[in-house]
Amino acid sequence: MHQEHVPDAVYERVREHFSEEDMVHLTMAIIAINAWNRLAIGFRTPINR
């Protein structure tokens, strides 16, 4: 995890493809997936392959 903000160049590249609303939705999806993964690790959920 970065200690600083996303570099301007990276942010601008993302803005070429996503609207402000899209970026909020994408960020919320990433947060949810991260939370689910942490819960799965904490509860030792077996990996389904």
Protein backbone atom coordinates (compact mmCIF):
# COMPACT_ATOMS: atom_id res chain seq x y z
CA MET A 1 0.00 0.00 0.00
CA HIS A 2 1.28 3.40 -0.91
CA GLN A 3 1.96 6.04 1.69
CA GLU A 4 1.15 8.80 -0.79
CA HIS A 5 -1.45 9.57 -3.42
CA VAL A 6 -1.51 7.97 -6.84
CA PRO A 7 1.00 9.70 -9.15
CA ASP A 8 -0.62 12.29 -11.43
CA ALA A 9 0.45 10.43 -14.58
CA VAL A 10 -1.30 7.24 -13.44
CA TYR A 11 -4.42 9.15 -12.39
CA GLU A 12 -4.63 10.87 -15.77
CA ARG A 13 -4.28 7.56 -17.62
CA VAL A 14 -7.21 6.17 -15.65
CA ARG A 15 -9.27 9.32 -16.33
CA GLU A 16 -8.89 8.66 -20.07
CA HIS A 17 -10.99 5.52 -19.66
CA PHE A 18 -13.31 6.16 -16.70
CA SER A 19 -15.61 8.98 -15.66
CA GLU A 20 -15.53 10.34 -12.11
CA GLU A 21 -18.58 8.24 -11.25
CA ASP A 22 -16.99 5.15 -12.81
CA MET A 23 -13.85 5.69 -10.73
CA VAL A 24 -15.95 5.86 -7.54
CA HIS A 25 -17.71 2.60 -8.48
CA LEU A 26 -14.43 0.93 -9.36
CA THR A 27 -12.88 2.07 -6.08
CA MET A 28 -15.85 0.75 -4.08
CA ALA A 29 -15.65 -2.60 -5.91
CA ILE A 30 -11.94 -2.87 -5.09
CA ILE A 31 -12.64 -2.06 -1.42
CA ALA A 32 -15.37 -4.74 -1.27
CA ILE A 33 -13.20 -7.40 -2.92
CA ASN A 34 -10.32 -6.57 -0.59
CA ALA A 35 -12.63 -6.92 2.44
CA TRP A 36 -13.99 -10.26 1.21
CA ASN A 37 -10.46 -11.57 0.69
CA ARG A 38 -9.41 -10.50 4.19
CA LEU A 39 -12.48 -12.19 5.69
CA ALA A 40 -11.76 -15.37 3.74
CA ILE A 41 -8.18 -15.40 4.98
CA GLY A 42 -9.26 -14.77 8.57
CA PHE A 43 -11.80 -17.60 8.49
CA ARG A 44 -9.43 -19.94 6.62
CA THR A 45 -11.90 -20.42 3.79
CA PRO A 46 -10.65 -23.16 1.47
CA ILE A 47 -9.85 -22.17 -2.09
CA ASN A 48 -12.24 -23.67 -4.64
CA ARG A 49 -10.38 -24.71 -7.75
